[in-house]
Full PDB file with SEQRES, HELIX, SHEET, SSBOND, CRYST1, ORIGX, SCALE, CONECT and MASTER records, all heavy atoms in Angstrom:
SEQRES   1 A   41  LEU HIS ASN ASP ILE HIS GLN ASP GLY GLY LEU LEU LEU          
SEQRES   2 A   41  ASN ASN PRO CYS ALA LEU ALA VAL HIS GLU CYS ARG LEU          
SEQRES   3 A   41  LEU TRP PRO GLY SER PRO PHE GLN CYS VAL VAL SER LEU          
SEQRES   4 A   41  GLY THR                                                      
HELIX    1 AA1 GLY A   10  LEU A   13  1                                   4    
HELIX    2 AA2 CYS A   17  LEU A   27  1                                  11    
CRYST1    1.000    1.000    1.000  90.00  90.00  90.00 P 1           1          
ORIGX1      1.000000  0.000000  0.000000        0.00000                         
ORIGX2      0.000000  1.000000  0.000000        0.00000                         
ORIGX3      0.000000  0.000000  1.000000        0.00000                         
SCALE1      1.000000  0.000000  0.000000        0.00000                         
SCALE2      0.000000  1.000000  0.000000        0.00000                         
SCALE3      0.000000  0.000000  1.000000        0.00000                         
ATOM      1  N   LEU A   1     143.286 175.962 421.308  1.00  0.00           N  
ATOM      2  CA  LEU A   1     143.011 175.471 422.649  1.00  0.00           C  
ATOM      3  C   LEU A   1     144.053 176.069 423.581  1.00  0.00           C  
ATOM      4  O   LEU A   1     145.238 175.749 423.479  1.00  0.00           O  
ATOM      5  CB  LEU A   1     143.076 173.940 422.669  1.00  0.00           C  
ATOM      6  CG  LEU A   1     142.563 173.221 423.909  1.00  0.00           C  
ATOM      7  CD1 LEU A   1     141.128 173.609 424.222  1.00  0.00           C  
ATOM      8  CD2 LEU A   1     142.666 171.705 423.725  1.00  0.00           C  
ATOM      9  N   HIS A   2     143.591 176.965 424.463  1.00  0.00           N  
ATOM     10  CA  HIS A   2     144.491 177.754 425.296  1.00  0.00           C  
ATOM     11  C   HIS A   2     145.437 178.544 424.377  1.00  0.00           C  
ATOM     12  O   HIS A   2     144.978 179.300 423.549  1.00  0.00           O  
ATOM     13  CB  HIS A   2     145.242 176.853 426.279  1.00  0.00           C  
ATOM     14  CG  HIS A   2     144.326 175.999 427.117  1.00  0.00           C  
ATOM     15  ND1 HIS A   2     143.252 176.517 427.805  1.00  0.00           N  
ATOM     16  CD2 HIS A   2     144.313 174.654 427.354  1.00  0.00           C  
ATOM     17  CE1 HIS A   2     142.618 175.546 428.441  1.00  0.00           C  
ATOM     18  NE2 HIS A   2     143.226 174.408 428.181  1.00  0.00           N  
ATOM     19  N   ASN A   3     146.729 178.331 424.466  1.00  0.00           N  
ATOM     20  CA  ASN A   3     147.657 179.082 423.614  1.00  0.00           C  
ATOM     21  C   ASN A   3     148.208 178.235 422.471  1.00  0.00           C  
ATOM     22  O   ASN A   3     149.172 178.643 421.808  1.00  0.00           O  
ATOM     23  CB  ASN A   3     148.823 179.627 424.449  1.00  0.00           C  
ATOM     24  CG  ASN A   3     148.370 180.638 425.485  1.00  0.00           C  
ATOM     25  OD1 ASN A   3     147.508 181.474 425.203  1.00  0.00           O  
ATOM     26  ND2 ASN A   3     148.932 180.566 426.684  1.00  0.00           N  
ATOM     27  N   ASP A   4     147.606 177.076 422.249  1.00  0.00           N  
ATOM     28  CA  ASP A   4     148.106 176.159 421.229  1.00  0.00           C  
ATOM     29  C   ASP A   4     147.157 176.103 420.034  1.00  0.00           C  
ATOM     30  O   ASP A   4     145.937 176.247 420.179  1.00  0.00           O  
ATOM     31  CB  ASP A   4     148.268 174.748 421.815  1.00  0.00           C  
ATOM     32  CG  ASP A   4     149.206 174.729 423.013  1.00  0.00           C  
ATOM     33  OD1 ASP A   4     150.159 175.524 423.020  1.00  0.00           O  
ATOM     34  OD2 ASP A   4     148.970 173.921 423.939  1.00  0.00           O  
ATOM     35  N   ILE A   5     147.725 175.853 418.862  1.00  0.00           N  
ATOM     36  CA  ILE A   5     146.934 175.702 417.643  1.00  0.00           C  
ATOM     37  C   ILE A   5     147.070 174.251 417.177  1.00  0.00           C  
ATOM     38  O   ILE A   5     148.176 173.784 416.866  1.00  0.00           O  
ATOM     39  CB  ILE A   5     147.421 176.652 416.529  1.00  0.00           C  
ATOM     40  CG1 ILE A   5     147.328 178.114 417.006  1.00  0.00           C  
ATOM     41  CG2 ILE A   5     146.587 176.464 415.270  1.00  0.00           C  
ATOM     42  CD1 ILE A   5     147.909 179.115 416.022  1.00  0.00           C  
ATOM     43  N   HIS A   6     145.945 173.533 417.161  1.00  0.00           N  
ATOM     44  CA  HIS A   6     145.943 172.116 416.822  1.00  0.00           C  
ATOM     45  C   HIS A   6     145.405 171.895 415.414  1.00  0.00           C  
ATOM     46  O   HIS A   6     144.448 172.549 414.986  1.00  0.00           O  
ATOM     47  CB  HIS A   6     145.064 171.334 417.806  1.00  0.00           C  
ATOM     48  CG  HIS A   6     145.577 171.321 419.210  1.00  0.00           C  
ATOM     49  ND1 HIS A   6     146.314 170.274 419.727  1.00  0.00           N  
ATOM     50  CD2 HIS A   6     145.463 172.232 420.211  1.00  0.00           C  
ATOM     51  CE1 HIS A   6     146.624 170.528 420.981  1.00  0.00           C  
ATOM     52  NE2 HIS A   6     146.120 171.715 421.304  1.00  0.00           N  
ATOM     53  N   GLN A   7     146.023 170.951 414.715  1.00  0.00           N  
ATOM     54  CA  GLN A   7     145.519 170.460 413.441  1.00  0.00           C  
ATOM     55  C   GLN A   7     145.452 168.937 413.498  1.00  0.00           C  
ATOM     56  O   GLN A   7     145.862 168.310 414.481  1.00  0.00           O  
ATOM     57  CB  GLN A   7     146.403 170.935 412.289  1.00  0.00           C  
ATOM     58  CG  GLN A   7     146.297 172.428 412.016  1.00  0.00           C  
ATOM     59  CD  GLN A   7     147.095 172.872 410.804  1.00  0.00           C  
ATOM     60  OE1 GLN A   7     147.749 172.083 410.140  1.00  0.00           O  
ATOM     61  NE2 GLN A   7     147.041 174.167 410.509  1.00  0.00           N  
ATOM     62  N   ASP A   8     144.919 168.363 412.438  1.00  0.00           N  
ATOM     63  CA  ASP A   8     144.724 166.916 412.346  1.00  0.00           C  
ATOM     64  C   ASP A   8     146.026 166.165 412.667  1.00  0.00           C  
ATOM     65  O   ASP A   8     147.068 166.422 412.072  1.00  0.00           O  
ATOM     66  CB  ASP A   8     144.272 166.583 410.926  1.00  0.00           C  
ATOM     67  CG  ASP A   8     143.747 165.164 410.787  1.00  0.00           C  
ATOM     68  OD1 ASP A   8     144.323 164.249 411.408  1.00  0.00           O  
ATOM     69  OD2 ASP A   8     142.759 164.970 410.065  1.00  0.00           O  
ATOM     70  N   GLY A   9     145.934 165.218 413.620  1.00  0.00           N  
ATOM     71  CA  GLY A   9     147.108 164.432 413.984  1.00  0.00           C  
ATOM     72  C   GLY A   9     147.633 163.577 412.856  1.00  0.00           C  
ATOM     73  O   GLY A   9     148.790 163.144 412.872  1.00  0.00           O  
ATOM     74  N   GLY A  10     146.793 163.335 411.831  1.00  0.00           N  
ATOM     75  CA  GLY A  10     147.214 162.531 410.686  1.00  0.00           C  
ATOM     76  C   GLY A  10     148.307 163.183 409.867  1.00  0.00           C  
ATOM     77  O   GLY A  10     148.989 162.515 409.080  1.00  0.00           O  
ATOM     78  N   LEU A  11     148.511 164.491 410.039  1.00  0.00           N  
ATOM     79  CA  LEU A  11     149.598 165.168 409.339  1.00  0.00           C  
ATOM     80  C   LEU A  11     150.949 164.617 409.752  1.00  0.00           C  
ATOM     81  O   LEU A  11     151.917 164.653 408.993  1.00  0.00           O  
ATOM     82  CB  LEU A  11     149.544 166.675 409.633  1.00  0.00           C  
ATOM     83  CG  LEU A  11     148.321 167.447 409.129  1.00  0.00           C  
ATOM     84  CD1 LEU A  11     148.363 168.869 409.640  1.00  0.00           C  
ATOM     85  CD2 LEU A  11     148.269 167.420 407.610  1.00  0.00           C  
ATOM     86  N   LEU A  12     151.032 164.106 410.992  1.00  0.00           N  
ATOM     87  CA  LEU A  12     152.292 163.569 411.510  1.00  0.00           C  
ATOM     88  C   LEU A  12     152.249 162.065 411.697  1.00  0.00           C  
ATOM     89  O   LEU A  12     153.189 161.359 411.357  1.00  0.00           O  
ATOM     90  CB  LEU A  12     152.620 164.228 412.854  1.00  0.00           C  
ATOM     91  CG  LEU A  12     152.942 165.719 412.847  1.00  0.00           C  
ATOM     92  CD1 LEU A  12     153.082 166.220 414.278  1.00  0.00           C  
ATOM     93  CD2 LEU A  12     154.217 165.982 412.073  1.00  0.00           C  
ATOM     94  N   LEU A  13     151.148 161.566 412.284  1.00  0.00           N  
ATOM     95  CA  LEU A  13     151.058 160.152 412.666  1.00  0.00           C  
ATOM     96  C   LEU A  13     149.702 159.612 412.255  1.00  0.00           C  
ATOM     97  O   LEU A  13     148.835 159.372 413.102  1.00  0.00           O  
ATOM     98  CB  LEU A  13     151.248 160.009 414.187  1.00  0.00           C  
ATOM     99  CG  LEU A  13     152.597 160.451 414.765  1.00  0.00           C  
ATOM    100  CD1 LEU A  13     152.516 160.549 416.284  1.00  0.00           C  
ATOM    101  CD2 LEU A  13     153.685 159.467 414.368  1.00  0.00           C  
ATOM    102  N   ASN A  14     149.502 159.420 410.956  1.00  0.00           N  
ATOM    103  CA  ASN A  14     148.201 158.918 410.508  1.00  0.00           C  
ATOM    104  C   ASN A  14     147.980 157.470 410.933  1.00  0.00           C  
ATOM    105  O   ASN A  14     146.862 156.992 410.976  1.00  0.00           O  
ATOM    106  CB  ASN A  14     148.082 159.049 408.988  1.00  0.00           C  
ATOM    107  CG  ASN A  14     146.628 159.179 408.559  1.00  0.00           C  
ATOM    108  OD1 ASN A  14     145.817 159.758 409.273  1.00  0.00           O  
ATOM    109  ND2 ASN A  14     146.300 158.633 407.397  1.00  0.00           N  
ATOM    110  N   ASN A  15     149.077 156.773 411.228  1.00  0.00           N  
ATOM    111  CA  ASN A  15     149.016 155.447 411.848  1.00  0.00           C  
ATOM    112  C   ASN A  15     149.697 155.575 413.216  1.00  0.00           C  
ATOM    113  O   ASN A  15     150.915 155.587 413.318  1.00  0.00           O  
ATOM    114  CB  ASN A  15     149.745 154.415 410.983  1.00  0.00           C  
ATOM    115  CG  ASN A  15     149.744 153.025 411.609  1.00  0.00           C  
ATOM    116  OD1 ASN A  15     149.402 152.851 412.775  1.00  0.00           O  
ATOM    117  ND2 ASN A  15     150.137 152.031 410.837  1.00  0.00           N  
ATOM    118  N   PRO A  16     148.907 155.668 414.308  1.00  0.00           N  
ATOM    119  CA  PRO A  16     149.494 155.943 415.625  1.00  0.00           C  
ATOM    120  C   PRO A  16     149.914 154.694 416.395  1.00  0.00           C  
ATOM    121  O   PRO A  16     150.115 154.759 417.610  1.00  0.00           O  
ATOM    122  CB  PRO A  16     148.342 156.650 416.352  1.00  0.00           C  
ATOM    123  CG  PRO A  16     147.117 155.986 415.805  1.00  0.00           C  
ATOM    124  CD  PRO A  16     147.434 155.651 414.358  1.00  0.00           C  
ATOM    125  N   CYS A  17     150.067 153.571 415.719  1.00  0.00           N  
ATOM    126  CA  CYS A  17     150.307 152.302 416.419  1.00  0.00           C  
ATOM    127  C   CYS A  17     151.640 152.305 417.183  1.00  0.00           C  
ATOM    128  O   CYS A  17     151.706 151.824 418.322  1.00  0.00           O  
ATOM    129  CB  CYS A  17     150.263 151.143 415.429  1.00  0.00           C  
ATOM    130  SG  CYS A  17     150.066 149.545 416.233  1.00  0.00           S  
ATOM    131  N   ALA A  18     152.693 152.838 416.578  1.00  0.00           N  
ATOM    132  CA  ALA A  18     153.987 152.872 417.271  1.00  0.00           C  
ATOM    133  C   ALA A  18     153.912 153.761 418.507  1.00  0.00           C  
ATOM    134  O   ALA A  18     154.500 153.449 419.544  1.00  0.00           O  
ATOM    135  CB  ALA A  18     155.076 153.368 416.317  1.00  0.00           C  
ATOM    136  N   LEU A  19     153.176 154.861 418.407  1.00  0.00           N  
ATOM    137  CA  LEU A  19     152.965 155.729 419.561  1.00  0.00           C  
ATOM    138  C   LEU A  19     152.239 154.973 420.666  1.00  0.00           C  
ATOM    139  O   LEU A  19     152.587 155.077 421.846  1.00  0.00           O  
ATOM    140  CB  LEU A  19     152.163 156.963 419.131  1.00  0.00           C  
ATOM    141  CG  LEU A  19     151.735 157.964 420.200  1.00  0.00           C  
ATOM    142  CD1 LEU A  19     151.723 159.382 419.625  1.00  0.00           C  
ATOM    143  CD2 LEU A  19     150.351 157.644 420.751  1.00  0.00           C  
ATOM    144  N   ALA A  20     151.216 154.195 420.301  1.00  0.00           N  
ATOM    145  CA  ALA A  20     150.461 153.425 421.288  1.00  0.00           C  
ATOM    146  C   ALA A  20     151.343 152.406 422.000  1.00  0.00           C  
ATOM    147  O   ALA A  20     151.255 152.226 423.218  1.00  0.00           O  
ATOM    148  CB  ALA A  20     149.285 152.718 420.606  1.00  0.00           C  
ATOM    149  N   VAL A  21     152.226 151.748 421.250  1.00  0.00           N  
ATOM    150  CA  VAL A  21     153.147 150.771 421.855  1.00  0.00           C  
ATOM    151  C   VAL A  21     154.071 151.470 422.850  1.00  0.00           C  
ATOM    152  O   VAL A  21     154.326 150.969 423.950  1.00  0.00           O  
ATOM    153  CB  VAL A  21     153.960 150.057 420.745  1.00  0.00           C  
ATOM    154  CG1 VAL A  21     155.109 149.260 421.349  1.00  0.00           C  
ATOM    155  CG2 VAL A  21     153.041 149.140 419.939  1.00  0.00           C  
ATOM    156  N   HIS A  22     154.575 152.637 422.466  1.00  0.00           N  
ATOM    157  CA  HIS A  22     155.460 153.406 423.357  1.00  0.00           C  
ATOM    158  C   HIS A  22     154.748 153.782 424.655  1.00  0.00           C  
ATOM    159  O   HIS A  22     155.290 153.616 425.751  1.00  0.00           O  
ATOM    160  CB  HIS A  22     155.930 154.663 422.630  1.00  0.00           C  
ATOM    161  CG  HIS A  22     156.627 155.660 423.513  1.00  0.00           C  
ATOM    162  ND1 HIS A  22     157.875 155.442 424.048  1.00  0.00           N  
ATOM    163  CD2 HIS A  22     156.223 156.884 423.971  1.00  0.00           C  
ATOM    164  CE1 HIS A  22     158.227 156.486 424.782  1.00  0.00           C  
ATOM    165  NE2 HIS A  22     157.248 157.365 424.758  1.00  0.00           N  
ATOM    166  N   GLU A  23     153.508 154.278 424.555  1.00  0.00           N  
ATOM    167  CA  GLU A  23     152.752 154.680 425.741  1.00  0.00           C  
ATOM    168  C   GLU A  23     152.475 153.489 426.651  1.00  0.00           C  
ATOM    169  O   GLU A  23     152.543 153.604 427.879  1.00  0.00           O  
ATOM    170  CB  GLU A  23     151.436 155.337 425.313  1.00  0.00           C  
ATOM    171  CG  GLU A  23     151.597 156.681 424.631  1.00  0.00           C  
ATOM    172  CD  GLU A  23     151.949 157.791 425.607  1.00  0.00           C  
ATOM    173  OE1 GLU A  23     151.098 158.145 426.447  1.00  0.00           O  
ATOM    174  OE2 GLU A  23     153.086 158.304 425.539  1.00  0.00           O  
ATOM    175  N   CYS A  24     152.168 152.345 426.068  1.00  0.00           N  
ATOM    176  CA  CYS A  24     151.860 151.159 426.869  1.00  0.00           C  
ATOM    177  C   CYS A  24     153.086 150.624 427.604  1.00  0.00           C  
ATOM    178  O   CYS A  24     152.968 150.106 428.720  1.00  0.00           O  
ATOM    179  CB  CYS A  24     151.263 150.064 425.979  1.00  0.00           C  
ATOM    180  SG  CYS A  24     149.570 150.413 425.455  1.00  0.00           S  
ATOM    181  N   ARG A  25     154.240 150.734 427.007  1.00  0.00           N  
ATOM    182  CA  ARG A  25     155.466 150.286 427.690  1.00  0.00           C  
ATOM    183  C   ARG A  25     155.717 151.129 428.941  1.00  0.00           C  
ATOM    184  O   ARG A  25     156.280 150.638 429.925  1.00  0.00           O  
ATOM    185  CB  ARG A  25     156.659 150.380 426.736  1.00  0.00           C  
ATOM    186  CG  ARG A  25     156.676 149.299 425.665  1.00  0.00           C  
ATOM    187  CD  ARG A  25     158.046 149.178 425.040  1.00  0.00           C  
ATOM    188  NE  ARG A  25     158.067 148.229 423.943  1.00  0.00           N  
ATOM    189  CZ  ARG A  25     158.127 146.908 424.084  1.00  0.00           C  
ATOM    190  NH1 ARG A  25     158.147 146.390 425.302  1.00  0.00           N  
ATOM    191  NH2 ARG A  25     158.154 146.120 423.031  1.00  0.00           N  
ATOM    192  N   LEU A  26     155.313 152.404 428.910  1.00  0.00           N  
ATOM    193  CA  LEU A  26     155.465 153.256 430.076  1.00  0.00           C  
ATOM    194  C   LEU A  26     154.398 152.960 431.129  1.00  0.00           C  
ATOM    195  O   LEU A  26     154.655 153.030 432.331  1.00  0.00           O  
ATOM    196  CB  LEU A  26     155.392 154.730 429.660  1.00  0.00           C  
ATOM    197  CG  LEU A  26     156.510 155.242 428.756  1.00  0.00           C  
ATOM    198  CD1 LEU A  26     156.261 156.699 428.376  1.00  0.00           C  
ATOM    199  CD2 LEU A  26     157.864 155.117 429.441  1.00  0.00           C  
ATOM    200  N   LEU A  27     153.188 152.634 430.682  1.00  0.00           N  
ATOM    201  CA  LEU A  27     152.087 152.359 431.618  1.00  0.00           C  
ATOM    202  C   LEU A  27     152.273 151.033 432.343  1.00  0.00           C  
ATOM    203  O   LEU A  27     152.030 150.936 433.547  1.00  0.00           O  
ATOM    204  CB  LEU A  27     150.751 152.354 430.860  1.00  0.00           C  
ATOM    205  CG  LEU A  27     150.148 153.708 430.505  1.00  0.00           C  
ATOM    206  CD1 LEU A  27     149.034 153.545 429.485  1.00  0.00           C  
ATOM    207  CD2 LEU A  27     149.620 154.406 431.754  1.00  0.00           C  
ATOM    208  N   TRP A  28     152.679 150.002 431.604  1.00  0.00           N  
ATOM    209  CA  TRP A  28     152.824 148.656 432.176  1.00  0.00           C  
ATOM    210  C   TRP A  28     154.219 148.111 431.824  1.00  0.00           C  
ATOM    211  O   TRP A  28     154.352 147.196 430.989  1.00  0.00           O  
ATOM    212  CB  TRP A  28     151.746 147.723 431.636  1.00  0.00           C  
ATOM    213  CG  TRP A  28     150.351 148.164 431.958  1.00  0.00           C  
ATOM    214  CD1 TRP A  28     149.723 148.068 433.164  1.00  0.00           C  
ATOM    215  CD2 TRP A  28     149.399 148.762 431.058  1.00  0.00           C  
ATOM    216  NE1 TRP A  28     148.444 148.558 433.080  1.00  0.00           N  
ATOM    217  CE2 TRP A  28     148.217 149.000 431.804  1.00  0.00           C  
ATOM    218  CE3 TRP A  28     149.426 149.108 429.710  1.00  0.00           C  
ATOM    219  CZ2 TRP A  28     147.085 149.563 431.234  1.00  0.00           C  
ATOM    220  CZ3 TRP A  28     148.301 149.688 429.148  1.00  0.00           C  
ATOM    221  CH2 TRP A  28     147.145 149.905 429.909  1.00  0.00           C  
ATOM    222  N   PRO A  29     155.275 148.662 432.421  1.00  0.00           N  
ATOM    223  CA  PRO A  29     156.645 148.303 432.022  1.00  0.00           C  
ATOM    224  C   PRO A  29     156.996 146.834 432.215  1.00  0.00           C  
ATOM    225  O   PRO A  29     157.873 146.320 431.538  1.00  0.00           O  
ATOM    226  CB  PRO A  29     157.515 149.211 432.906  1.00  0.00           C  
ATOM    227  CG  PRO A  29     156.647 149.593 434.055  1.00  0.00           C  
ATOM    228  CD  PRO A  29     155.267 149.657 433.513  1.00  0.00           C  
ATOM    229  N   GLY A  30     156.323 146.136 433.112  1.00  0.00           N  
ATOM    230  CA  GLY A  30     156.679 144.743 433.355  1.00  0.00           C  
ATOM    231  C   GLY A  30     155.805 143.745 432.632  1.00  0.00           C  
ATOM    232  O   GLY A  30     155.989 142.529 432.791  1.00  0.00           O  
ATOM    233  N   SER A  31     154.863 144.214 431.821  1.00  0.00           N  
ATOM    234  CA  SER A  31     153.913 143.309 431.166  1.00  0.00           C  
ATOM    235  C   SER A  31     154.262 143.091 429.695  1.00  0.00           C  
ATOM    236  O   SER A  31     154.639 144.038 428.998  1.00  0.00           O  
ATOM    237  CB  SER A  31     152.494 143.872 431.266  1.00  0.00           C  
ATOM    238  OG  SER A  31     152.083 143.999 432.601  1.00  0.00           O  
ATOM    239  N   PRO A  32     154.111 141.857 429.200  1.00  0.00           N  
ATOM    240  CA  PRO A  32     154.317 141.602 427.767  1.00  0.00           C  
ATOM    241  C   PRO A  32     153.087 142.059 426.975  1.00  0.00           C  
ATOM    242  O   PRO A  32     152.037 142.356 427.555  1.00  0.00           O  
ATOM    243  CB  PRO A  32     154.457 140.082 427.712  1.00  0.00           C  
ATOM    244  CG  PRO A  32     153.597 139.607 428.840  1.00  0.00           C  
ATOM    245  CD  PRO A  32     153.737 140.632 429.937  1.00  0.00           C  
ATOM    246  N   PHE A  33     153.218 142.107 425.664  1.00  0.00           N  
ATOM    247  CA  PHE A  33     152.080 142.436 424.809  1.00  0.00           C  
ATOM    248  C   PHE A  33     151.342 141.144 424.453  1.00  0.00           C  
ATOM    249  O   PHE A  33     151.937 140.215 423.912  1.00  0.00           O  
ATOM    250  CB  PHE A  33     152.534 143.153 423.535  1.00  0.00           C  
ATOM    251  CG  PHE A  33     152.900 144.593 423.764  1.00  0.00           C  
ATOM    252  CD1 PHE A  33     154.230 144.965 423.962  1.00  0.00           C  
ATOM    253  CD2 PHE A  33     151.934 145.578 423.805  1.00  0.00           C  
ATOM    254  CE1 PHE A  33     154.576 146.283 424.189  1.00  0.00           C  
ATOM    255  CE2 PHE A  33     152.268 146.909 424.038  1.00  0.00           C  
ATOM    256  CZ  PHE A  33     153.590 147.257 424.229  1.00  0.00           C  
ATOM    257  N   GLN A  34     150.053 141.108 424.760  1.00  0.00           N  
ATOM    258  CA  GLN A  34     149.233 139.969 424.357  1.00  0.00           C  
ATOM    259  C   GLN A  34     148.846 140.099 422.885  1.00  0.00           C  
ATOM    260  O   GLN A  34     148.895 139.142 422.130  1.00  0.00           O  
ATOM    261  CB  GLN A  34     147.975 139.891 425.228  1.00  0.00           C  
ATOM    262  CG  GLN A  34     147.095 138.688 424.935  1.00  0.00           C  
ATOM    263  CD  GLN A  34     145.954 138.564 425.932  1.00  0.00           C  
ATOM    264  OE1 GLN A  34     146.007 139.133 427.028  1.00  0.00           O  
ATOM    265  NE2 GLN A  34     144.922 137.827 425.581  1.00  0.00           N  
ATOM    266  N   CYS A  35     148.435 141.304 422.483  1.00  0.00           N  
ATOM    267  CA  CYS A  35     148.191 141.563 421.061  1.00  0.00           C  
ATOM    268  C   CYS A  35     148.214 143.066 420.795  1.00  0.00           C  
ATOM    269  O   CYS A  35     147.856 143.871 421.657  1.00  0.00           O  
ATOM    270  CB  CYS A  35     146.860 140.961 420.598  1.00  0.00           C  
ATOM    271  SG  CYS A  35     145.408 141.719 421.338  1.00  0.00           S  
ATOM    272  N   VAL A  36     148.658 143.419 419.599  1.00  0.00           N  
ATOM    273  CA  VAL A  36     148.656 144.801 419.124  1.00  0.00           C  
ATOM    274  C   VAL A  36     147.879 144.796 417.811  1.00  0.00           C  
ATOM    275  O   VAL A  36     148.320 144.208 416.822  1.00  0.00           O  
ATOM    276  CB  VAL A  36     150.089 145.330 418.901  1.00  0.00           C  
ATOM    277  CG1 VAL A  36     150.048 146.743 418.308  1.00  0.00           C  
ATOM    278  CG2 VAL A  36     150.873 145.318 420.207  1.00  0.00           C  
ATOM    279  N   VAL A  37     146.709 145.438 417.817  1.00  0.00           N  
ATOM    280  CA  VAL A  37     145.819 145.438 416.653  1.00  0.00           C  
ATOM    281  C   VAL A  37     145.822 146.824 416.029  1.00  0.00           C  
ATOM    282  O   VAL A  37     145.509 147.816 416.694  1.00  0.00           O  
ATOM    283  CB  VAL A  37     144.391 145.033 417.055  1.00  0.00           C  
ATOM    284  CG1 VAL A  37     143.479 145.002 415.830  1.00  0.00           C  
ATOM    285  CG2 VAL A  37     144.384 143.684 417.761  1.00  0.00           C  
ATOM    286  N   SER A  38     146.175 146.887 414.756  1.00  0.00           N  
ATOM    287  CA  SER A  38     146.235 148.146 414.024  1.00  0.00           C  
ATOM    288  C   SER A  38     145.209 148.111 412.889  1.00  0.00           C  
ATOM    289  O   SER A  38     145.231 147.210 412.051  1.00  0.00           O  
ATOM    290  CB  SER A  38     147.647 148.352 413.452  1.00  0.00           C  
ATOM    291  OG  SER A  38     147.700 149.511 412.653  1.00  0.00           O  
ATOM    292  N   LEU A  39     144.299 149.098 412.878  1.00  0.00           N  
ATOM    293  CA  LEU A  39     143.235 149.141 411.872  1.00  0.00           C  
ATOM    294  C   LEU A  39     143.437 150.316 410.929  1.00  0.00           C  
ATOM    295  O   LEU A  39     143.514 151.465 411.369  1.00  0.00           O  
ATOM    296  CB  LEU A  39     141.864 149.257 412.549  1.00  0.00           C  
ATOM    297  CG  LEU A  39     141.475 148.163 413.541  1.00  0.00           C  
ATOM    298  CD1 LEU A  39     140.058 148.387 414.040  1.00  0.00           C  
ATOM    299  CD2 LEU A  39     141.609 146.779 412.923  1.00  0.00           C  
ATOM    300  N   GLY A  40     143.518 150.021 409.633  1.00  0.00           N  
ATOM    301  CA  GLY A  40     143.578 151.058 408.619  1.00  0.00           C  
ATOM    302  C   GLY A  40     142.179 151.422 408.160  1.00  0.00           C  
ATOM    303  O   GLY A  40     141.189 150.810 408.568  1.00  0.00           O  
ATOM    304  N   THR A  41     142.097 152.412 407.279  1.00  0.00           N  
ATOM    305  CA  THR A  41     140.794 152.839 406.765  1.00  0.00           C  
ATOM    306  C   THR A  41     140.708 152.633 405.248  1.00  0.00           C  
ATOM    307  O   THR A  41     140.006 153.359 404.548  1.00  0.00           O  
ATOM    308  CB  THR A  41     140.535 154.322 407.113  1.00  0.00           C  
ATOM    309  OG1 THR A  41     141.615 155.122 406.611  1.00  0.00           O  
ATOM    310  CG2 THR A  41     140.433 154.517 408.608  1.00  0.00           C  
TER     311      THR A  41                                                      
MASTER        0    0    0    2    0    0    0    6  310    1    0    4          
END                                                                             
């Protein structure tokens, strides 16, 4: 894609829940977490 070569994100973060928490803290810095739901396969 453009000048980048992408592979499956599961090679690094097969459970992206911590990443999601980090992104949400930046999006809504003043809001608490009501729930964080993590689904495995």
